[in-house]
Amino acid sequence: ALSSAASDVYKRQPANPDAEKKVKFTFPTIRGKNADKDIIISVNGRDYQIQRGVEVSVPKFLVEAYYCSEGAKDEADNYIEEVAE
């Protein structure tokens, strides 16, 4: 078991310090009657609600999670098209 002091230091150290750095990013807007003005991104059990179409400063890991999610959607769409043929 870690001592109390060691445990406190361990909790403060992010797994990847670079991922915690803030970056400026604009999440794209979506159109349509039921389009949400905000995007919600969940990472490690925490939810982040971010306004679309506005430049914001967010941790880099949120942008990475967004791109990962979009890539998964593209893969799913491609798979559906292949299966439907």
N, C-alpha and C. Protein backbone atom coordinates (compact mmCIF):
# COMPACT_ATOMS: atom_id res chain seq x y z
N ALA A 1 0.84 -1.19 0.00
CA ALA A 1 0.00 0.00 0.00
C ALA A 1 0.87 1.24 0.00
N LEU A 2 0.40 2.29 -0.64
CA LEU A 2 1.13 3.54 -0.69
C LEU A 2 0.90 4.33 0.58
N SER A 3 1.94 5.06 1.00
CA SER A 3 1.77 5.95 2.14
C SER A 3 0.83 7.08 1.74
N SER A 4 0.32 7.81 2.70
CA SER A 4 -0.61 8.90 2.41
C SER A 4 0.02 9.94 1.49
N ALA A 5 1.27 10.32 1.77
CA ALA A 5 1.94 11.32 0.94
C ALA A 5 2.16 10.79 -0.47
N ALA A 6 2.59 9.55 -0.60
CA ALA A 6 2.82 8.96 -1.91
C ALA A 6 1.51 8.83 -2.67
N SER A 7 0.45 8.48 -1.97
CA SER A 7 -0.86 8.34 -2.60
C SER A 7 -1.34 9.68 -3.16
N ASP A 8 -1.11 10.77 -2.42
CA ASP A 8 -1.52 12.10 -2.88
C ASP A 8 -0.77 12.49 -4.16
N VAL A 9 0.52 12.22 -4.22
CA VAL A 9 1.32 12.54 -5.40
C VAL A 9 0.85 11.69 -6.57
N TYR A 10 0.59 10.42 -6.33
CA TYR A 10 0.15 9.52 -7.39
C TYR A 10 -1.16 10.01 -8.00
N LYS A 11 -2.10 10.44 -7.18
CA LYS A 11 -3.40 10.90 -7.66
C LYS A 11 -3.29 12.15 -8.51
N ARG A 12 -2.30 13.00 -8.22
CA ARG A 12 -2.16 14.25 -8.95
C ARG A 12 -1.46 14.09 -10.29
N GLN A 13 -0.79 12.98 -10.52
CA GLN A 13 -0.04 12.78 -11.75
C GLN A 13 -0.94 12.15 -12.81
N PRO A 14 -1.26 12.89 -13.88
CA PRO A 14 -2.06 12.29 -14.94
C PRO A 14 -1.25 11.20 -15.65
N ALA A 15 -1.95 10.23 -16.21
CA ALA A 15 -1.29 9.13 -16.91
C ALA A 15 -0.48 9.67 -18.09
N ASN A 16 -1.02 10.66 -18.77
CA ASN A 16 -0.33 11.28 -19.89
C ASN A 16 -0.45 12.79 -19.73
N PRO A 17 0.56 13.43 -19.13
CA PRO A 17 0.48 14.87 -18.87
C PRO A 17 0.18 15.70 -20.12
N ASP A 18 0.67 15.26 -21.29
CA ASP A 18 0.42 15.99 -22.54
C ASP A 18 -1.07 16.04 -22.87
N ALA A 19 -1.80 15.00 -22.52
CA ALA A 19 -3.24 14.93 -22.81
C ALA A 19 -4.03 15.95 -21.99
N GLU A 20 -3.46 16.38 -20.87
CA GLU A 20 -4.13 17.34 -20.00
C GLU A 20 -3.97 18.77 -20.49
N LYS A 21 -3.02 19.00 -21.40
CA LYS A 21 -2.77 20.35 -21.90
C LYS A 21 -4.01 20.88 -22.60
N LYS A 22 -4.26 22.16 -22.42
CA LYS A 22 -5.42 22.79 -23.06
C LYS A 22 -5.10 23.15 -24.50
N VAL A 23 -6.07 22.93 -25.36
CA VAL A 23 -5.97 23.31 -26.77
C VAL A 23 -7.23 24.05 -27.16
N LYS A 24 -7.10 24.93 -28.14
CA LYS A 24 -8.29 25.63 -28.64
C LYS A 24 -8.88 24.79 -29.77
N PHE A 25 -10.19 24.62 -29.73
CA PHE A 25 -10.86 23.77 -30.71
C PHE A 25 -12.29 24.23 -30.87
N THR A 26 -12.82 24.11 -32.08
CA THR A 26 -14.22 24.41 -32.34
C THR A 26 -14.90 23.12 -32.78
N PHE A 27 -15.82 22.63 -31.95
CA PHE A 27 -16.57 21.44 -32.32
C PHE A 27 -17.60 21.85 -33.36
N PRO A 28 -17.70 21.11 -34.45
CA PRO A 28 -18.57 21.53 -35.55
C PRO A 28 -20.04 21.55 -35.16
N THR A 29 -20.75 22.49 -35.76
CA THR A 29 -22.20 22.55 -35.55
C THR A 29 -22.86 21.47 -36.40
N ILE A 30 -24.05 21.09 -36.01
CA ILE A 30 -24.84 20.17 -36.82
C ILE A 30 -26.16 20.84 -37.13
N ARG A 31 -26.69 20.53 -38.27
CA ARG A 31 -27.93 21.16 -38.72
C ARG A 31 -29.08 20.18 -38.59
N GLY A 32 -30.24 20.74 -38.57
CA GLY A 32 -31.42 19.91 -38.53
C GLY A 32 -32.38 20.37 -37.44
N LYS A 33 -33.58 19.91 -37.55
CA LYS A 33 -34.64 20.33 -36.63
C LYS A 33 -34.31 19.97 -35.18
N ASN A 34 -33.75 18.80 -34.98
CA ASN A 34 -33.48 18.34 -33.61
C ASN A 34 -32.00 18.43 -33.24
N ALA A 35 -31.24 19.27 -33.95
CA ALA A 35 -29.80 19.37 -33.71
C ALA A 35 -29.51 20.01 -32.35
N ASP A 36 -28.61 19.39 -31.61
CA ASP A 36 -28.20 19.94 -30.32
C ASP A 36 -27.18 21.04 -30.53
N LYS A 37 -27.29 22.09 -29.73
CA LYS A 37 -26.31 23.17 -29.79
C LYS A 37 -25.05 22.82 -29.03
N ASP A 38 -25.14 21.80 -28.18
CA ASP A 38 -24.00 21.37 -27.38
C ASP A 38 -23.63 19.94 -27.75
N ILE A 39 -22.40 19.60 -27.44
CA ILE A 39 -21.94 18.22 -27.58
C ILE A 39 -21.56 17.75 -26.18
N ILE A 40 -21.86 16.50 -25.88
CA ILE A 40 -21.48 15.92 -24.59
C ILE A 40 -20.48 14.81 -24.88
N ILE A 41 -19.31 14.94 -24.26
CA ILE A 41 -18.26 13.93 -24.41
C ILE A 41 -18.00 13.34 -23.04
N SER A 42 -18.02 12.02 -22.95
CA SER A 42 -17.76 11.33 -21.69
C SER A 42 -16.41 10.64 -21.76
N VAL A 43 -15.55 10.91 -20.78
CA VAL A 43 -14.23 10.30 -20.71
C VAL A 43 -14.00 9.87 -19.27
N ASN A 44 -13.72 8.59 -19.09
CA ASN A 44 -13.43 8.04 -17.76
C ASN A 44 -14.50 8.40 -16.73
N GLY A 45 -15.74 8.29 -17.13
CA GLY A 45 -16.84 8.52 -16.19
C GLY A 45 -17.18 9.98 -15.94
N ARG A 46 -16.50 10.89 -16.60
CA ARG A 46 -16.81 12.32 -16.45
C ARG A 46 -17.41 12.82 -17.74
N ASP A 47 -18.47 13.62 -17.61
CA ASP A 47 -19.16 14.18 -18.77
C ASP A 47 -18.76 15.64 -18.95
N TYR A 48 -18.52 16.02 -20.19
CA TYR A 48 -18.16 17.39 -20.53
C TYR A 48 -19.17 17.89 -21.54
N GLN A 49 -19.89 18.97 -21.22
CA GLN A 49 -20.85 19.57 -22.12
C GLN A 49 -20.21 20.81 -22.72
N ILE A 50 -20.11 20.82 -24.06
CA ILE A 50 -19.38 21.88 -24.75
C ILE A 50 -20.24 22.44 -25.86
N GLN A 51 -20.24 23.76 -25.98
CA GLN A 51 -21.03 24.41 -27.02
C GLN A 51 -20.40 24.20 -28.39
N ARG A 52 -21.23 23.85 -29.36
CA ARG A 52 -20.75 23.65 -30.73
C ARG A 52 -20.62 24.99 -31.45
N GLY A 53 -19.69 25.07 -32.39
CA GLY A 53 -19.56 26.25 -33.23
C GLY A 53 -18.85 27.42 -32.57
N VAL A 54 -18.33 27.23 -31.37
CA VAL A 54 -17.63 28.30 -30.64
C VAL A 54 -16.25 27.78 -30.26
N GLU A 55 -15.22 28.58 -30.50
CA GLU A 55 -13.88 28.14 -30.11
C GLU A 55 -13.79 28.09 -28.59
N VAL A 56 -13.34 26.95 -28.09
CA VAL A 56 -13.21 26.75 -26.64
C VAL A 56 -11.82 26.21 -26.34
N SER A 57 -11.40 26.38 -25.11
CA SER A 57 -10.14 25.83 -24.65
C SER A 57 -10.46 24.61 -23.80
N VAL A 58 -10.07 23.43 -24.28
CA VAL A 58 -10.40 22.17 -23.60
C VAL A 58 -9.16 21.30 -23.49
N PRO A 59 -9.15 20.35 -22.56
CA PRO A 59 -8.02 19.42 -22.51
C PRO A 59 -7.91 18.66 -23.83
N LYS A 60 -6.68 18.41 -24.25
CA LYS A 60 -6.41 17.74 -25.52
C LYS A 60 -7.12 16.39 -25.62
N PHE A 61 -7.28 15.69 -24.47
CA PHE A 61 -7.90 14.37 -24.52
C PHE A 61 -9.35 14.43 -24.98
N LEU A 62 -10.04 15.57 -24.79
CA LEU A 62 -11.42 15.69 -25.26
C LEU A 62 -11.47 15.75 -26.79
N VAL A 63 -10.52 16.44 -27.38
CA VAL A 63 -10.46 16.51 -28.84
C VAL A 63 -10.13 15.13 -29.39
N GLU A 64 -9.20 14.43 -28.75
CA GLU A 64 -8.83 13.08 -29.19
C GLU A 64 -10.03 12.14 -29.07
N ALA A 65 -10.79 12.24 -27.99
CA ALA A 65 -11.97 11.39 -27.81
C ALA A 65 -13.01 11.69 -28.90
N TYR A 66 -13.15 12.97 -29.25
CA TYR A 66 -14.09 13.36 -30.30
C TYR A 66 -13.70 12.72 -31.65
N TYR A 67 -12.42 12.86 -32.02
CA TYR A 67 -11.97 12.28 -33.28
C TYR A 67 -12.10 10.75 -33.29
N CYS A 68 -11.84 10.14 -32.15
CA CYS A 68 -11.98 8.68 -32.03
C CYS A 68 -13.44 8.28 -32.27
N SER A 69 -14.34 9.02 -31.67
CA SER A 69 -15.78 8.74 -31.82
C SER A 69 -16.22 8.92 -33.27
N GLU A 70 -15.77 9.99 -33.91
CA GLU A 70 -16.14 10.23 -35.31
C GLU A 70 -15.59 9.13 -36.21
N GLY A 71 -14.37 8.66 -35.92
CA GLY A 71 -13.79 7.57 -36.70
C GLY A 71 -14.59 6.29 -36.56
N ALA A 72 -15.06 6.02 -35.35
CA ALA A 72 -15.87 4.82 -35.10
C ALA A 72 -17.20 4.91 -35.85
N LYS A 73 -17.78 6.11 -35.90
CA LYS A 73 -19.04 6.28 -36.64
C LYS A 73 -18.82 6.01 -38.13
N ASP A 74 -17.70 6.52 -38.67
CA ASP A 74 -17.40 6.29 -40.09
C ASP A 74 -17.22 4.81 -40.38
N GLU A 75 -16.52 4.11 -39.49
CA GLU A 75 -16.32 2.67 -39.67
C GLU A 75 -17.66 1.93 -39.63
N ALA A 76 -18.52 2.33 -38.70
CA ALA A 76 -19.83 1.68 -38.60
C ALA A 76 -20.65 1.92 -39.86
N ASP A 77 -20.63 3.16 -40.36
CA ASP A 77 -21.37 3.49 -41.59
C ASP A 77 -20.85 2.66 -42.78
N ASN A 78 -19.53 2.53 -42.88
CA ASN A 78 -18.95 1.74 -43.97
C ASN A 78 -19.35 0.27 -43.85
N TYR A 79 -19.35 -0.25 -42.65
CA TYR A 79 -19.73 -1.65 -42.44
C TYR A 79 -21.19 -1.87 -42.83
N ILE A 80 -22.05 -0.95 -42.44
CA ILE A 80 -23.48 -1.07 -42.76
C ILE A 80 -23.67 -1.07 -44.27
N GLU A 81 -22.95 -0.20 -44.97
CA GLU A 81 -23.05 -0.16 -46.43
C GLU A 81 -22.60 -1.47 -47.06
N GLU A 82 -21.51 -2.05 -46.53
CA GLU A 82 -21.01 -3.33 -47.07
C GLU A 82 -22.00 -4.46 -46.85
N VAL A 83 -22.61 -4.51 -45.69
CA VAL A 83 -23.53 -5.58 -45.35
C VAL A 83 -24.83 -5.43 -46.15
N ALA A 84 -25.23 -4.21 -46.41
CA ALA A 84 -26.50 -3.96 -47.11
C ALA A 84 -26.43 -4.35 -48.58
N GLU A 85 -25.24 -4.44 -49.13
CA GLU A 85 -25.12 -4.75 -50.56
C GLU A 85 -25.48 -6.16 -50.89
